[in-house]
Amino acid sequence: MSARETVLGRVRDALTLAPKPPVTVPRAYRTGTTLPDRERLALFTDRLVDYKAQVHPCTAAGTADTLARVLRERGARTVGVPAGLDRSWLAAFDGTVQVDSADIPAPRLDALDGVVTASAVACAETGTIFLDGSADQGRRALSLVPDLHVCVVDLSAVEVGVPDALARLVPARPTTLISGPSATSDIELERVEGVHGPRMLDVVIRTDV
């Protein structure tokens, strides 16, 4: 046994035998920040646009027409949807709708022109949308593999700050955080989109829900 292994072994033994006092993590986050609907919408929209997402406000009654227009403008003819998505949202879409399931291998999702999902909650200050794997949001692969993600967000689910947004999530559920289209920079700081997820993000914000 080398000297290094001897030292590390003694450290492990000491940690095993040492008492483990309870650790209290302070959780005094700033909560309760609110804004009127118009200001909250403006802040959320500003952050999304800054991330190079396209934003489409509409009423609940205009959801189907707005989604059909967005998909048409993006040239999407075959779109994937989670099994629990409200099918009336796509009533005006004249393309092909493919309902996702766990039986579909993730690589096959790349053949889709795009995907339409709902969302769990959003944060205006950071322009972040949270998906929690609910039936109307689907598995993580569905929102990451296709090149286009059209996400429906209800304004009532948009919190101002991060602590309030997180408080509305169920910790045991798988959470995906989306802040604009997937993007990174190469060694010369040139922006490259679509590396880790969708290259295009369209956010349909239903302002009266």
C-alpha atoms as a PDB file:
ATOM      1  CA  MET A   1       0.000   0.000   0.000  1.00  0.00           C
ATOM      2  CA  SER A   2       1.359   3.408  -0.977  1.00  0.00           C
ATOM      3  CA  ALA A   3       1.647   6.351   1.404  1.00  0.00           C
ATOM      4  CA  ARG A   4      -1.212   8.083  -0.453  1.00  0.00           C
ATOM      5  CA  GLU A   5      -3.533   5.118   0.003  1.00  0.00           C
ATOM      6  CA  THR A   6      -2.585   4.917   3.680  1.00  0.00           C
ATOM      7  CA  VAL A   7      -3.396   8.586   4.282  1.00  0.00           C
ATOM      8  CA  LEU A   8      -6.685   8.439   2.386  1.00  0.00           C
ATOM      9  CA  GLY A   9      -7.672   5.276   4.217  1.00  0.00           C
ATOM     10  CA  ARG A  10      -7.097   6.954   7.585  1.00  0.00           C
ATOM     11  CA  VAL A  11      -9.138   9.955   6.466  1.00  0.00           C
ATOM     12  CA  ARG A  12     -12.010   7.672   5.467  1.00  0.00           C
ATOM     13  CA  ASP A  13     -11.837   5.835   8.792  1.00  0.00           C
ATOM     14  CA  ALA A  14     -11.842   9.119  10.703  1.00  0.00           C
ATOM     15  CA  LEU A  15     -14.853  10.400   8.788  1.00  0.00           C
ATOM     16  CA  THR A  16     -16.710   7.153   9.447  1.00  0.00           C
ATOM     17  CA  LEU A  17     -16.068   7.325  13.194  1.00  0.00           C
ATOM     18  CA  ALA A  18     -16.577  11.056  13.613  1.00  0.00           C
ATOM     19  CA  PRO A  19     -19.962  12.245  14.923  1.00  0.00           C
ATOM     20  CA  LYS A  20     -22.195  13.845  12.323  1.00  0.00           C
ATOM     21  CA  PRO A  21     -23.806  16.955  13.825  1.00  0.00           C
ATOM     22  CA  PRO A  22     -26.951  18.125  12.090  1.00  0.00           C
ATOM     23  CA  VAL A  23     -26.384  20.839   9.526  1.00  0.00           C
ATOM     24  CA  THR A  24     -28.895  23.647   9.269  1.00  0.00           C
ATOM     25  CA  VAL A  25     -28.979  25.314   5.875  1.00  0.00           C
ATOM     26  CA  PRO A  26     -30.329  28.873   6.002  1.00  0.00           C
ATOM     27  CA  ARG A  27     -33.347  29.308   3.730  1.00  0.00           C
ATOM     28  CA  ALA A  28     -34.110  32.968   4.302  1.00  0.00           C
ATOM     29  CA  TYR A  29     -34.606  33.709   0.634  1.00  0.00           C
ATOM     30  CA  ARG A  30     -36.390  36.882  -0.426  1.00  0.00           C
ATOM     31  CA  THR A  31     -39.936  35.916  -1.341  1.00  0.00           C
ATOM     32  CA  GLY A  32     -43.231  37.619  -1.966  1.00  0.00           C
ATOM     33  CA  THR A  33     -42.034  39.920  -4.758  1.00  0.00           C
ATOM     34  CA  THR A  34     -44.965  40.832  -6.970  1.00  0.00           C
ATOM     35  CA  LEU A  35     -45.670  42.980 -10.002  1.00  0.00           C
ATOM     36  CA  PRO A  36     -48.878  43.882 -11.824  1.00  0.00           C
ATOM     37  CA  ASP A  37     -49.660  41.557 -14.715  1.00  0.00           C
ATOM     38  CA  ARG A  38     -48.612  44.084 -17.360  1.00  0.00           C
ATOM     39  CA  GLU A  39     -45.218  44.732 -15.751  1.00  0.00           C
ATOM     40  CA  ARG A  40     -44.613  41.038 -15.072  1.00  0.00           C
ATOM     41  CA  LEU A  41     -45.401  40.219 -18.699  1.00  0.00           C
ATOM     42  CA  ALA A  42     -43.103  43.000 -19.920  1.00  0.00           C
ATOM     43  CA  LEU A  43     -40.228  41.821 -17.701  1.00  0.00           C
ATOM     44  CA  PHE A  44     -40.635  38.181 -18.702  1.00  0.00           C
ATOM     45  CA  THR A  45     -40.856  39.109 -22.376  1.00  0.00           C
ATOM     46  CA  ASP A  46     -37.756  41.308 -22.155  1.00  0.00           C
ATOM     47  CA  ARG A  47     -35.718  38.455 -20.679  1.00  0.00           C
ATOM     48  CA  LEU A  48     -36.960  35.924 -23.240  1.00  0.00           C
ATOM     49  CA  VAL A  49     -36.192  38.229 -26.160  1.00  0.00           C
ATOM     50  CA  ASP A  50     -32.740  38.911 -24.729  1.00  0.00           C
ATOM     51  CA  TYR A  51     -32.155  35.142 -24.857  1.00  0.00           C
ATOM     52  CA  LYS A  52     -33.232  35.192 -28.534  1.00  0.00           C
ATOM     53  CA  ALA A  53     -36.555  33.447 -27.958  1.00  0.00           C
ATOM     54  CA  GLN A  54     -39.643  34.482 -29.933  1.00  0.00           C
ATOM     55  CA  VAL A  55     -42.577  35.614 -27.779  1.00  0.00           C
ATOM     56  CA  HIS A  56     -46.255  35.418 -28.792  1.00  0.00           C
ATOM     57  CA  PRO A  57     -48.800  36.814 -26.301  1.00  0.00           C
ATOM     58  CA  CYS A  58     -52.375  35.666 -26.789  1.00  0.00           C
ATOM     59  CA  THR A  59     -55.590  34.982 -24.931  1.00  0.00           C
ATOM     60  CA  ALA A  60     -56.657  31.488 -23.925  1.00  0.00           C
ATOM     61  CA  ALA A  61     -59.266  31.552 -26.679  1.00  0.00           C
ATOM     62  CA  GLY A  62     -56.580  32.380 -29.218  1.00  0.00           C
ATOM     63  CA  THR A  63     -54.208  29.562 -28.240  1.00  0.00           C
ATOM     64  CA  ALA A  64     -55.020  27.298 -31.201  1.00  0.00           C
ATOM     65  CA  ASP A  65     -54.751  30.056 -33.821  1.00  0.00           C
ATOM     66  CA  THR A  66     -51.504  31.365 -32.313  1.00  0.00           C
ATOM     67  CA  LEU A  67     -49.892  27.923 -32.211  1.00  0.00           C
ATOM     68  CA  ALA A  68     -50.967  27.213 -35.795  1.00  0.00           C
ATOM     69  CA  ARG A  69     -49.457  30.511 -36.949  1.00  0.00           C
ATOM     70  CA  VAL A  70     -46.181  29.940 -35.099  1.00  0.00           C
ATOM     71  CA  LEU A  71     -45.800  26.414 -36.470  1.00  0.00           C
ATOM     72  CA  ARG A  72     -46.660  27.589 -39.988  1.00  0.00           C
ATOM     73  CA  GLU A  73     -44.111  30.414 -39.845  1.00  0.00           C
ATOM     74  CA  ARG A  74     -41.464  27.972 -38.617  1.00  0.00           C
ATOM     75  CA  GLY A  75     -42.275  25.571 -41.437  1.00  0.00           C
ATOM     76  CA  ALA A  76     -43.174  22.791 -39.016  1.00  0.00           C
ATOM     77  CA  ARG A  77     -45.353  20.109 -40.594  1.00  0.00           C
ATOM     78  CA  THR A  78     -44.798  17.216 -38.173  1.00  0.00           C
ATOM     79  CA  VAL A  79     -44.814  18.064 -34.482  1.00  0.00           C
ATOM     80  CA  GLY A  80     -44.542  15.959 -31.370  1.00  0.00           C
ATOM     81  CA  VAL A  81     -46.711  16.501 -28.312  1.00  0.00           C
ATOM     82  CA  PRO A  82     -46.801  14.933 -24.846  1.00  0.00           C
ATOM     83  CA  ALA A  83     -49.702  12.574 -24.241  1.00  0.00           C
ATOM     84  CA  GLY A  84     -51.412  14.937 -21.786  1.00  0.00           C
ATOM     85  CA  LEU A  85     -51.325  18.104 -23.886  1.00  0.00           C
ATOM     86  CA  ASP A  86     -54.714  19.753 -24.425  1.00  0.00           C
ATOM     87  CA  ARG A  87     -55.431  18.592 -27.979  1.00  0.00           C
ATOM     88  CA  SER A  88     -57.713  21.584 -28.639  1.00  0.00           C
ATOM     89  CA  TRP A  89     -54.573  23.730 -28.693  1.00  0.00           C
ATOM     90  CA  LEU A  90     -53.685  22.168 -32.049  1.00  0.00           C
ATOM     91  CA  ALA A  91     -57.188  22.272 -33.548  1.00  0.00           C
ATOM     92  CA  ALA A  92     -56.113  24.889 -36.116  1.00  0.00           C
ATOM     93  CA  PHE A  93     -52.877  23.110 -37.058  1.00  0.00           C
ATOM     94  CA  ASP A  94     -53.181  21.292 -40.386  1.00  0.00           C
ATOM     95  CA  GLY A  95     -49.990  19.263 -40.104  1.00  0.00           C
ATOM     96  CA  THR A  96     -49.234  15.894 -38.523  1.00  0.00           C
ATOM     97  CA  VAL A  97     -49.322  15.514 -34.745  1.00  0.00           C
ATOM     98  CA  GLN A  98     -47.331  12.676 -33.203  1.00  0.00           C
ATOM     99  CA  VAL A  99     -48.108  11.786 -29.594  1.00  0.00           C
ATOM    100  CA  ASP A 100     -44.931  10.910 -27.716  1.00  0.00           C
ATOM    101  CA  SER A 101     -44.446   7.852 -25.534  1.00  0.00           C
ATOM    102  CA  ALA A 102     -41.597   6.149 -23.705  1.00  0.00           C
ATOM    103  CA  ASP A 103     -41.628   3.439 -26.393  1.00  0.00           C
ATOM    104  CA  ILE A 104     -40.301   5.886 -28.985  1.00  0.00           C
ATOM    105  CA  PRO A 105     -36.474   5.909 -28.944  1.00  0.00           C
ATOM    106  CA  ALA A 106     -35.069   9.372 -28.297  1.00  0.00           C
ATOM    107  CA  PRO A 107     -33.072   9.470 -31.584  1.00  0.00           C
ATOM    108  CA  ARG A 108     -36.329   9.142 -33.552  1.00  0.00           C
ATOM    109  CA  LEU A 109     -37.526  12.436 -32.070  1.00  0.00           C
ATOM    110  CA  ASP A 110     -34.957  14.165 -34.259  1.00  0.00           C
ATOM    111  CA  ALA A 111     -37.221  13.493 -37.250  1.00  0.00           C
ATOM    112  CA  LEU A 112     -39.845  15.859 -35.824  1.00  0.00           C
ATOM    113  CA  ASP A 113     -39.997  19.426 -37.111  1.00  0.00           C
ATOM    114  CA  GLY A 114     -40.783  20.619 -33.611  1.00  0.00           C
ATOM    115  CA  VAL A 115     -42.526  19.940 -30.334  1.00  0.00           C
ATOM    116  CA  VAL A 116     -45.333  21.706 -28.471  1.00  0.00           C
ATOM    117  CA  THR A 117     -45.519  21.486 -24.676  1.00  0.00           C
ATOM    118  CA  ALA A 118     -47.115  23.224 -21.743  1.00  0.00           C
ATOM    119  CA  SER A 119     -45.059  24.377 -18.747  1.00  0.00           C
ATOM    120  CA  ALA A 120     -45.186  24.186 -14.960  1.00  0.00           C
ATOM    121  CA  VAL A 121     -44.028  27.633 -13.854  1.00  0.00           C
ATOM    122  CA  ALA A 122     -41.778  30.456 -15.026  1.00  0.00           C
ATOM    123  CA  CYS A 123     -39.621  33.210 -13.555  1.00  0.00           C
ATOM    124  CA  ALA A 124     -39.850  36.735 -14.971  1.00  0.00           C
ATOM    125  CA  GLU A 125     -36.576  38.067 -13.525  1.00  0.00           C
ATOM    126  CA  THR A 126     -34.492  35.367 -15.175  1.00  0.00           C
ATOM    127  CA  GLY A 127     -36.694  34.563 -18.177  1.00  0.00           C
ATOM    128  CA  THR A 128     -36.640  30.912 -17.158  1.00  0.00           C
ATOM    129  CA  ILE A 129     -39.345  28.351 -17.922  1.00  0.00           C
ATOM    130  CA  PHE A 130     -39.646  25.259 -15.745  1.00  0.00           C
ATOM    131  CA  LEU A 131     -40.908  21.907 -17.028  1.00  0.00           C
ATOM    132  CA  ASP A 132     -41.614  19.223 -14.428  1.00  0.00           C
ATOM    133  CA  GLY A 133     -42.405  16.182 -16.546  1.00  0.00           C
ATOM    134  CA  SER A 134     -46.169  16.432 -16.056  1.00  0.00           C
ATOM    135  CA  ALA A 135     -48.453  14.811 -18.631  1.00  0.00           C
ATOM    136  CA  ASP A 136     -48.779  18.032 -20.652  1.00  0.00           C
ATOM    137  CA  GLN A 137     -44.998  18.567 -20.692  1.00  0.00           C
ATOM    138  CA  GLY A 138     -43.720  15.060 -21.327  1.00  0.00           C
ATOM    139  CA  ARG A 139     -40.337  13.476 -20.861  1.00  0.00           C
ATOM    140  CA  ARG A 140     -37.173  15.515 -21.010  1.00  0.00           C
ATOM    141  CA  ALA A 141     -36.034  14.067 -24.356  1.00  0.00           C
ATOM    142  CA  LEU A 142     -39.141  15.400 -26.077  1.00  0.00           C
ATOM    143  CA  SER A 143     -38.261  19.003 -25.245  1.00  0.00           C
ATOM    144  CA  LEU A 144     -34.533  18.615 -25.961  1.00  0.00           C
ATOM    145  CA  VAL A 145     -34.143  16.604 -29.171  1.00  0.00           C
ATOM    146  CA  PRO A 146     -36.332  18.409 -31.775  1.00  0.00           C
ATOM    147  CA  ASP A 147     -34.859  21.589 -33.256  1.00  0.00           C
ATOM    148  CA  LEU A 148     -37.932  23.692 -32.418  1.00  0.00           C
ATOM    149  CA  HIS A 149     -39.686  23.940 -29.056  1.00  0.00           C
ATOM    150  CA  VAL A 150     -42.972  25.826 -28.835  1.00  0.00           C
ATOM    151  CA  CYS A 151     -43.811  26.226 -25.161  1.00  0.00           C
ATOM    152  CA  VAL A 152     -47.137  27.495 -23.806  1.00  0.00           C
ATOM    153  CA  VAL A 153     -46.888  29.532 -20.592  1.00  0.00           C
ATOM    154  CA  ASP A 154     -49.818  30.865 -18.579  1.00  0.00           C
ATOM    155  CA  LEU A 155     -49.151  34.335 -17.197  1.00  0.00           C
ATOM    156  CA  SER A 156     -50.670  33.244 -13.882  1.00  0.00           C
ATOM    157  CA  ALA A 157     -47.804  30.745 -13.563  1.00  0.00           C
ATOM    158  CA  VAL A 158     -45.109  33.407 -14.038  1.00  0.00           C
ATOM    159  CA  GLU A 159     -43.527  34.437 -10.743  1.00  0.00           C
ATOM    160  CA  VAL A 160     -41.288  37.479 -10.407  1.00  0.00           C
ATOM    161  CA  GLY A 161     -38.374  35.906  -8.528  1.00  0.00           C
ATOM    162  CA  VAL A 162     -36.618  32.548  -8.428  1.00  0.00           C
ATOM    163  CA  PRO A 163     -37.551  31.588  -4.827  1.00  0.00           C
ATOM    164  CA  ASP A 164     -41.270  32.023  -5.533  1.00  0.00           C
ATOM    165  CA  ALA A 165     -40.996  30.056  -8.767  1.00  0.00           C
ATOM    166  CA  LEU A 166     -39.149  27.193  -7.070  1.00  0.00           C
ATOM    167  CA  ALA A 167     -41.724  27.115  -4.278  1.00  0.00           C
ATOM    168  CA  ARG A 168     -44.379  26.136  -6.829  1.00  0.00           C
ATOM    169  CA  LEU A 169     -42.443  23.092  -7.981  1.00  0.00           C
ATOM    170  CA  VAL A 170     -42.612  19.566  -6.552  1.00  0.00           C
ATOM    171  CA  PRO A 171     -39.008  18.663  -5.572  1.00  0.00           C
ATOM    172  CA  ALA A 172     -39.519  14.985  -6.365  1.00  0.00           C
ATOM    173  CA  ARG A 173     -40.406  15.678  -9.996  1.00  0.00           C
ATOM    174  CA  PRO A 174     -37.743  15.887 -12.761  1.00  0.00           C
ATOM    175  CA  THR A 175     -37.250  19.560 -13.508  1.00  0.00           C
ATOM    176  CA  THR A 176     -35.946  21.047 -16.752  1.00  0.00           C
ATOM    177  CA  LEU A 177     -34.993  24.735 -16.759  1.00  0.00           C
ATOM    178  CA  ILE A 178     -35.201  26.571 -20.076  1.00  0.00           C
ATOM    179  CA  SER A 179     -33.692  30.020 -20.550  1.00  0.00           C
ATOM    180  CA  GLY A 180     -33.910  30.651 -24.272  1.00  0.00           C
ATOM    181  CA  PRO A 181     -32.793  28.385 -27.114  1.00  0.00           C
ATOM    182  CA  SER A 182     -29.864  26.078 -26.433  1.00  0.00           C
ATOM    183  CA  ALA A 183     -26.639  28.000 -27.030  1.00  0.00           C
ATOM    184  CA  THR A 184     -22.974  28.019 -26.184  1.00  0.00           C
ATOM    185  CA  SER A 185     -19.800  29.728 -27.401  1.00  0.00           C
ATOM    186  CA  ASP A 186     -16.782  28.230 -29.113  1.00  0.00           C
ATOM    187  CA  ILE A 187     -13.188  29.051 -28.232  1.00  0.00           C
ATOM    188  CA  GLU A 188     -13.427  32.306 -30.199  1.00  0.00           C
ATOM    189  CA  LEU A 189     -16.609  33.291 -28.323  1.00  0.00           C
ATOM    190  CA  GLU A 190     -18.759  32.790 -31.397  1.00  0.00           C
ATOM    191  CA  ARG A 191     -22.333  31.912 -30.390  1.00  0.00           C
ATOM    192  CA  VAL A 192     -23.412  28.432 -31.476  1.00  0.00           C
ATOM    193  CA  GLU A 193     -27.061  27.480 -31.101  1.00  0.00           C
ATOM    194  CA  GLY A 194     -28.686  24.073 -30.846  1.00  0.00           C
ATOM    195  CA  VAL A 195     -25.781  22.258 -29.193  1.00  0.00           C
ATOM    196  CA  HIS A 196     -27.533  20.941 -26.105  1.00  0.00           C
ATOM    197  CA  GLY A 197     -31.187  21.330 -27.086  1.00  0.00           C
ATOM    198  CA  PRO A 198     -33.571  23.144 -29.438  1.00  0.00           C
ATOM    199  CA  ARG A 199     -32.065  25.776 -31.705  1.00  0.00           C
ATOM    200  CA  MET A 200     -35.358  27.696 -31.747  1.00  0.00           C
ATOM    201  CA  LEU A 201     -37.663  28.531 -28.834  1.00  0.00           C
ATOM    202  CA  ASP A 202     -41.088  30.114 -29.311  1.00  0.00           C
ATOM    203  CA  VAL A 203     -42.996  31.017 -26.153  1.00  0.00           C
ATOM    204  CA  VAL A 204     -46.764  31.445 -26.349  1.00  0.00           C
ATOM    205  CA  ILE A 205     -47.856  33.421 -23.282  1.00  0.00           C
ATOM    206  CA  ARG A 206     -51.555  33.175 -22.474  1.00  0.00           C
ATOM    207  CA  THR A 207     -52.178  36.517 -20.789  1.00  0.00           C
ATOM    208  CA  ASP A 208     -55.612  35.793 -19.294  1.00  0.00           C
ATOM    209  CA  VAL A 209     -54.853  32.421 -17.664  1.00  0.00           C
END
